[in-house]
Amino acid sequence: MTDLPAKRRTNPVERGLEALLFNSRWLMAPFYLGLVVSLVVLLYKFGLLLWEFILHAPAAKESDIILGVLSLIDVSLTGNLILIVVFSGYENFVSRIDPRNHPDWPAWMTKVDFAGLKQKLLASIVAISAIQVLKAFMNIDAAFDAQKLGWLVGVHLVFVVTTLLLALSDRWGSDHGGGDGAAH
């Protein structure tokens, strides 16, 4: 058993393969940069929605104002979701981020493991889905479509149940596995 570490140190093919595999994590960096670009596009869309919201606010009914605010919240939550994926994905899969030089760095960004990332993603998706259902209910007088509303509620419930099952699975796995949940 003591021969294995010595063998591993002297096998250049294995060391080279391991180095290649380890460095392949950097192939994910362009994905995260692409998500940053999508965040810029989402900011542009948010600006357009905000401008339209402001222009129509004086003549809008209360329900239209609420629907407009919900649309802005929806886009904002999607932006938060992108940031969660970018920062925790980069931190978990590419390279550690040193927050010491950034005094306003949110503490959670360097502490979200893969299980936490999954839970945050699903929680954000549930929130976005809930906003879509709420917008449909708020707009029920203008355009009632029972089938569409049923699908929205059904899909939302699937997201909620999936999120609950994932949370239970992660809790049970960490309780029985003796680990900190980072292996998920």
C-alpha atoms as a PDB file:
ATOM      1  CA  MET A   1       0.000   0.000   0.000  1.00  0.00           C
ATOM      2  CA  THR A   2       2.909   2.369   0.605  1.00  0.00           C
ATOM      3  CA  ASP A   3       4.120   1.769  -2.982  1.00  0.00           C
ATOM      4  CA  LEU A   4       1.110   3.554  -4.499  1.00  0.00           C
ATOM      5  CA  PRO A   5       2.149   7.123  -3.620  1.00  0.00           C
ATOM      6  CA  ALA A   6       5.671   6.496  -4.945  1.00  0.00           C
ATOM      7  CA  LYS A   7       4.271   5.014  -8.157  1.00  0.00           C
ATOM      8  CA  ARG A   8       1.927   7.966  -8.615  1.00  0.00           C
ATOM      9  CA  ARG A   9       4.794  10.418  -8.278  1.00  0.00           C
ATOM     10  CA  THR A  10       6.909   8.641 -10.896  1.00  0.00           C
ATOM     11  CA  ASN A  11       4.290   7.924 -13.587  1.00  0.00           C
ATOM     12  CA  PRO A  12       4.548  10.877 -16.014  1.00  0.00           C
ATOM     13  CA  VAL A  13       1.603   9.746 -18.167  1.00  0.00           C
ATOM     14  CA  GLU A  14      -0.715   9.622 -15.184  1.00  0.00           C
ATOM     15  CA  ARG A  15       0.573  12.967 -13.877  1.00  0.00           C
ATOM     16  CA  GLY A  16       0.083  14.512 -17.323  1.00  0.00           C
ATOM     17  CA  LEU A  17      -3.438  13.141 -17.628  1.00  0.00           C
ATOM     18  CA  GLU A  18      -4.331  14.378 -14.151  1.00  0.00           C
ATOM     19  CA  ALA A  19      -2.913  17.824 -14.951  1.00  0.00           C
ATOM     20  CA  LEU A  20      -4.933  17.928 -18.180  1.00  0.00           C
ATOM     21  CA  LEU A  21      -8.115  16.904 -16.378  1.00  0.00           C
ATOM     22  CA  PHE A  22      -7.502  19.352 -13.548  1.00  0.00           C
ATOM     23  CA  ASN A  23      -6.793  22.256 -15.907  1.00  0.00           C
ATOM     24  CA  SER A  24      -9.848  21.434 -18.029  1.00  0.00           C
ATOM     25  CA  ARG A  25     -11.896  23.184 -15.339  1.00  0.00           C
ATOM     26  CA  TRP A  26     -10.878  26.441 -17.045  1.00  0.00           C
ATOM     27  CA  LEU A  27     -13.060  25.442 -19.984  1.00  0.00           C
ATOM     28  CA  MET A  28     -15.979  26.501 -17.780  1.00  0.00           C
ATOM     29  CA  ALA A  29     -14.737  30.105 -17.524  1.00  0.00           C
ATOM     30  CA  PRO A  30     -16.153  31.114 -20.942  1.00  0.00           C
ATOM     31  CA  PHE A  31     -19.553  29.782 -19.849  1.00  0.00           C
ATOM     32  CA  TYR A  32     -19.491  32.086 -16.834  1.00  0.00           C
ATOM     33  CA  LEU A  33     -18.372  35.010 -19.022  1.00  0.00           C
ATOM     34  CA  GLY A  34     -21.291  34.229 -21.326  1.00  0.00           C
ATOM     35  CA  LEU A  35     -23.624  34.383 -18.353  1.00  0.00           C
ATOM     36  CA  VAL A  36     -22.188  37.807 -17.473  1.00  0.00           C
ATOM     37  CA  VAL A  37     -23.031  38.915 -21.025  1.00  0.00           C
ATOM     38  CA  SER A  38     -26.554  37.540 -20.539  1.00  0.00           C
ATOM     39  CA  LEU A  39     -26.749  39.632 -17.368  1.00  0.00           C
ATOM     40  CA  VAL A  40     -25.954  42.734 -19.450  1.00  0.00           C
ATOM     41  CA  VAL A  41     -28.737  41.762 -21.888  1.00  0.00           C
ATOM     42  CA  LEU A  42     -31.086  41.255 -18.949  1.00  0.00           C
ATOM     43  CA  LEU A  43     -30.141  44.694 -17.619  1.00  0.00           C
ATOM     44  CA  TYR A  44     -31.052  46.159 -21.009  1.00  0.00           C
ATOM     45  CA  LYS A  45     -34.431  44.354 -20.869  1.00  0.00           C
ATOM     46  CA  PHE A  46     -34.944  45.600 -17.293  1.00  0.00           C
ATOM     47  CA  GLY A  47     -34.256  49.167 -18.447  1.00  0.00           C
ATOM     48  CA  LEU A  48     -36.832  48.833 -21.235  1.00  0.00           C
ATOM     49  CA  LEU A  49     -39.413  47.391 -18.829  1.00  0.00           C
ATOM     50  CA  LEU A  50     -38.730  50.134 -16.294  1.00  0.00           C
ATOM     51  CA  TRP A  51     -39.033  52.867 -18.925  1.00  0.00           C
ATOM     52  CA  GLU A  52     -42.338  51.411 -20.203  1.00  0.00           C
ATOM     53  CA  PHE A  53     -43.558  51.066 -16.611  1.00  0.00           C
ATOM     54  CA  ILE A  54     -42.775  54.732 -15.869  1.00  0.00           C
ATOM     55  CA  LEU A  55     -44.404  55.944 -19.089  1.00  0.00           C
ATOM     56  CA  HIS A  56     -47.643  54.044 -18.489  1.00  0.00           C
ATOM     57  CA  ALA A  57     -47.830  54.615 -14.715  1.00  0.00           C
ATOM     58  CA  PRO A  58     -49.877  57.849 -14.745  1.00  0.00           C
ATOM     59  CA  ALA A  59     -52.786  56.286 -16.660  1.00  0.00           C
ATOM     60  CA  ALA A  60     -52.458  52.761 -15.255  1.00  0.00           C
ATOM     61  CA  LYS A  61     -54.865  51.008 -12.920  1.00  0.00           C
ATOM     62  CA  GLU A  62     -53.626  49.663  -9.598  1.00  0.00           C
ATOM     63  CA  SER A  63     -53.588  46.100 -10.938  1.00  0.00           C
ATOM     64  CA  ASP A  64     -51.469  47.242 -13.922  1.00  0.00           C
ATOM     65  CA  ILE A  65     -48.984  48.872 -11.516  1.00  0.00           C
ATOM     66  CA  ILE A  66     -48.765  45.666  -9.492  1.00  0.00           C
ATOM     67  CA  LEU A  67     -48.258  43.611 -12.680  1.00  0.00           C
ATOM     68  CA  GLY A  68     -45.529  46.023 -13.782  1.00  0.00           C
ATOM     69  CA  VAL A  69     -43.757  45.764 -10.448  1.00  0.00           C
ATOM     70  CA  LEU A  70     -44.023  41.964 -10.559  1.00  0.00           C
ATOM     71  CA  SER A  71     -42.432  41.986 -14.027  1.00  0.00           C
ATOM     72  CA  LEU A  72     -39.542  44.078 -12.708  1.00  0.00           C
ATOM     73  CA  ILE A  73     -39.137  41.737  -9.720  1.00  0.00           C
ATOM     74  CA  ASP A  74     -39.194  38.754 -12.078  1.00  0.00           C
ATOM     75  CA  VAL A  75     -36.327  40.143 -14.165  1.00  0.00           C
ATOM     76  CA  SER A  76     -34.435  41.093 -10.999  1.00  0.00           C
ATOM     77  CA  LEU A  77     -34.758  37.568  -9.584  1.00  0.00           C
ATOM     78  CA  THR A  78     -33.501  36.165 -12.874  1.00  0.00           C
ATOM     79  CA  GLY A  79     -30.468  38.473 -12.602  1.00  0.00           C
ATOM     80  CA  ASN A  80     -29.854  37.249  -9.052  1.00  0.00           C
ATOM     81  CA  LEU A  81     -30.085  33.683 -10.305  1.00  0.00           C
ATOM     82  CA  ILE A  82     -27.426  34.398 -12.944  1.00  0.00           C
ATOM     83  CA  LEU A  83     -25.112  35.919 -10.311  1.00  0.00           C
ATOM     84  CA  ILE A  84     -25.564  32.923  -8.024  1.00  0.00           C
ATOM     85  CA  VAL A  85     -24.613  30.565 -10.843  1.00  0.00           C
ATOM     86  CA  VAL A  86     -21.649  32.681 -11.986  1.00  0.00           C
ATOM     87  CA  PHE A  87     -20.044  33.220  -8.599  1.00  0.00           C
ATOM     88  CA  SER A  88     -20.711  29.911  -6.919  1.00  0.00           C
ATOM     89  CA  GLY A  89     -20.074  27.956 -10.131  1.00  0.00           C
ATOM     90  CA  TYR A  90     -16.756  29.703 -10.685  1.00  0.00           C
ATOM     91  CA  GLU A  91     -15.802  29.259  -7.027  1.00  0.00           C
ATOM     92  CA  ASN A  92     -16.805  25.577  -6.948  1.00  0.00           C
ATOM     93  CA  PHE A  93     -15.556  24.439 -10.335  1.00  0.00           C
ATOM     94  CA  VAL A  94     -12.868  26.801 -11.654  1.00  0.00           C
ATOM     95  CA  SER A  95     -10.893  28.739  -9.043  1.00  0.00           C
ATOM     96  CA  ARG A  96     -11.181  30.169  -5.548  1.00  0.00           C
ATOM     97  CA  ILE A  97     -12.032  33.842  -5.255  1.00  0.00           C
ATOM     98  CA  ASP A  98     -10.130  35.873  -2.671  1.00  0.00           C
ATOM     99  CA  PRO A  99     -12.641  38.288  -1.096  1.00  0.00           C
ATOM    100  CA  ARG A 100     -10.041  40.071   1.103  1.00  0.00           C
ATOM    101  CA  ASN A 101      -9.470  42.848  -1.435  1.00  0.00           C
ATOM    102  CA  HIS A 102     -13.204  43.480  -1.770  1.00  0.00           C
ATOM    103  CA  PRO A 103     -14.609  44.892   1.498  1.00  0.00           C
ATOM    104  CA  ASP A 104     -18.210  44.855   0.226  1.00  0.00           C
ATOM    105  CA  TRP A 105     -17.999  41.250  -0.993  1.00  0.00           C
ATOM    106  CA  PRO A 106     -21.107  39.293   0.114  1.00  0.00           C
ATOM    107  CA  ALA A 107     -20.061  36.512   2.476  1.00  0.00           C
ATOM    108  CA  TRP A 108     -22.297  33.881   0.874  1.00  0.00           C
ATOM    109  CA  MET A 109     -20.495  34.045  -2.486  1.00  0.00           C
ATOM    110  CA  THR A 110     -17.512  32.052  -1.318  1.00  0.00           C
ATOM    111  CA  LYS A 111     -19.483  29.724   0.948  1.00  0.00           C
ATOM    112  CA  VAL A 112     -22.062  28.173  -1.411  1.00  0.00           C
ATOM    113  CA  ASP A 113     -21.201  24.550  -2.125  1.00  0.00           C
ATOM    114  CA  PHE A 114     -22.768  22.518  -4.933  1.00  0.00           C
ATOM    115  CA  ALA A 115     -25.709  21.362  -2.773  1.00  0.00           C
ATOM    116  CA  GLY A 116     -26.345  24.954  -1.710  1.00  0.00           C
ATOM    117  CA  LEU A 117     -26.112  26.071  -5.336  1.00  0.00           C
ATOM    118  CA  LYS A 118     -28.778  23.551  -6.357  1.00  0.00           C
ATOM    119  CA  GLN A 119     -31.057  24.701  -3.536  1.00  0.00           C
ATOM    120  CA  LYS A 120     -30.576  28.389  -4.350  1.00  0.00           C
ATOM    121  CA  LEU A 121     -31.230  27.737  -8.030  1.00  0.00           C
ATOM    122  CA  LEU A 122     -34.412  25.840  -7.352  1.00  0.00           C
ATOM    123  CA  ALA A 123     -35.579  28.392  -4.773  1.00  0.00           C
ATOM    124  CA  SER A 124     -35.067  31.155  -7.340  1.00  0.00           C
ATOM    125  CA  ILE A 125     -36.931  29.167  -9.985  1.00  0.00           C
ATOM    126  CA  VAL A 126     -39.800  28.616  -7.548  1.00  0.00           C
ATOM    127  CA  ALA A 127     -39.910  32.361  -6.805  1.00  0.00           C
ATOM    128  CA  ILE A 128     -39.894  33.234 -10.514  1.00  0.00           C
ATOM    129  CA  SER A 129     -42.593  30.646 -11.168  1.00  0.00           C
ATOM    130  CA  ALA A 130     -44.679  32.009  -8.285  1.00  0.00           C
ATOM    131  CA  ILE A 131     -44.457  35.489  -9.789  1.00  0.00           C
ATOM    132  CA  GLN A 132     -45.678  34.150 -13.129  1.00  0.00           C
ATOM    133  CA  VAL A 133     -48.654  32.487 -11.408  1.00  0.00           C
ATOM    134  CA  LEU A 134     -49.365  35.663  -9.421  1.00  0.00           C
ATOM    135  CA  LYS A 135     -49.205  37.763 -12.593  1.00  0.00           C
ATOM    136  CA  ALA A 136     -51.693  35.409 -14.262  1.00  0.00           C
ATOM    137  CA  PHE A 137     -54.044  35.689 -11.263  1.00  0.00           C
ATOM    138  CA  MET A 138     -53.703  39.475 -11.228  1.00  0.00           C
ATOM    139  CA  ASN A 139     -54.566  39.547 -14.932  1.00  0.00           C
ATOM    140  CA  ILE A 140     -57.468  37.088 -14.627  1.00  0.00           C
ATOM    141  CA  ASP A 141     -60.131  39.727 -15.434  1.00  0.00           C
ATOM    142  CA  ALA A 142     -58.438  40.802 -18.667  1.00  0.00           C
ATOM    143  CA  ALA A 143     -57.637  37.361 -20.080  1.00  0.00           C
ATOM    144  CA  PHE A 144     -58.927  34.264 -18.320  1.00  0.00           C
ATOM    145  CA  ASP A 145     -57.598  31.052 -19.781  1.00  0.00           C
ATOM    146  CA  ALA A 146     -58.320  28.156 -17.436  1.00  0.00           C
ATOM    147  CA  GLN A 147     -56.006  25.782 -19.284  1.00  0.00           C
ATOM    148  CA  LYS A 148     -53.054  28.209 -19.200  1.00  0.00           C
ATOM    149  CA  LEU A 149     -53.673  28.976 -15.534  1.00  0.00           C
ATOM    150  CA  GLY A 150     -53.858  25.256 -14.760  1.00  0.00           C
ATOM    151  CA  TRP A 151     -50.527  24.675 -16.500  1.00  0.00           C
ATOM    152  CA  LEU A 152     -48.897  27.582 -14.672  1.00  0.00           C
ATOM    153  CA  VAL A 153     -50.087  26.288 -11.289  1.00  0.00           C
ATOM    154  CA  GLY A 154     -49.140  22.698 -12.194  1.00  0.00           C
ATOM    155  CA  VAL A 155     -45.627  23.613 -13.291  1.00  0.00           C
ATOM    156  CA  HIS A 156     -45.203  25.784 -10.191  1.00  0.00           C
ATOM    157  CA  LEU A 157     -46.259  22.886  -7.961  1.00  0.00           C
ATOM    158  CA  VAL A 158     -43.776  20.603  -9.730  1.00  0.00           C
ATOM    159  CA  PHE A 159     -41.016  23.133  -8.988  1.00  0.00           C
ATOM    160  CA  VAL A 160     -42.107  23.389  -5.341  1.00  0.00           C
ATOM    161  CA  VAL A 161     -42.234  19.607  -4.857  1.00  0.00           C
ATOM    162  CA  THR A 162     -38.894  19.167  -6.641  1.00  0.00           C
ATOM    163  CA  THR A 163     -37.297  21.796  -4.405  1.00  0.00           C
ATOM    164  CA  LEU A 164     -38.667  20.153  -1.266  1.00  0.00           C
ATOM    165  CA  LEU A 165     -37.503  16.709  -2.380  1.00  0.00           C
ATOM    166  CA  LEU A 166     -34.022  18.017  -3.195  1.00  0.00           C
ATOM    167  CA  ALA A 167     -33.779  19.726   0.196  1.00  0.00           C
ATOM    168  CA  LEU A 168     -34.876  16.545   1.961  1.00  0.00           C
ATOM    169  CA  SER A 169     -32.487  14.458  -0.113  1.00  0.00           C
ATOM    170  CA  ASP A 170     -29.567  16.762   0.697  1.00  0.00           C
ATOM    171  CA  ARG A 171     -30.469  16.750   4.395  1.00  0.00           C
ATOM    172  CA  TRP A 172     -30.801  12.969   4.529  1.00  0.00           C
ATOM    173  CA  GLY A 173     -27.572  12.538   2.551  1.00  0.00           C
ATOM    174  CA  SER A 174     -25.593  14.775   4.868  1.00  0.00           C
ATOM    175  CA  ASP A 175     -27.096  13.142   7.977  1.00  0.00           C
ATOM    176  CA  HIS A 176     -26.271   9.596   6.848  1.00  0.00           C
ATOM    177  CA  GLY A 177     -23.107  10.311   4.888  1.00  0.00           C
ATOM    178  CA  GLY A 178     -21.349  12.040   7.738  1.00  0.00           C
ATOM    179  CA  GLY A 179     -20.128  14.741   5.355  1.00  0.00           C
ATOM    180  CA  ASP A 180     -20.804  18.413   5.026  1.00  0.00           C
ATOM    181  CA  GLY A 181     -22.928  18.050   1.881  1.00  0.00           C
ATOM    182  CA  ALA A 182     -20.178  19.395  -0.394  1.00  0.00           C
ATOM    183  CA  ALA A 183     -19.997  16.165  -2.334  1.00  0.00           C
ATOM    184  CA  HIS A 184     -23.471  16.596  -3.807  1.00  0.00           C
END
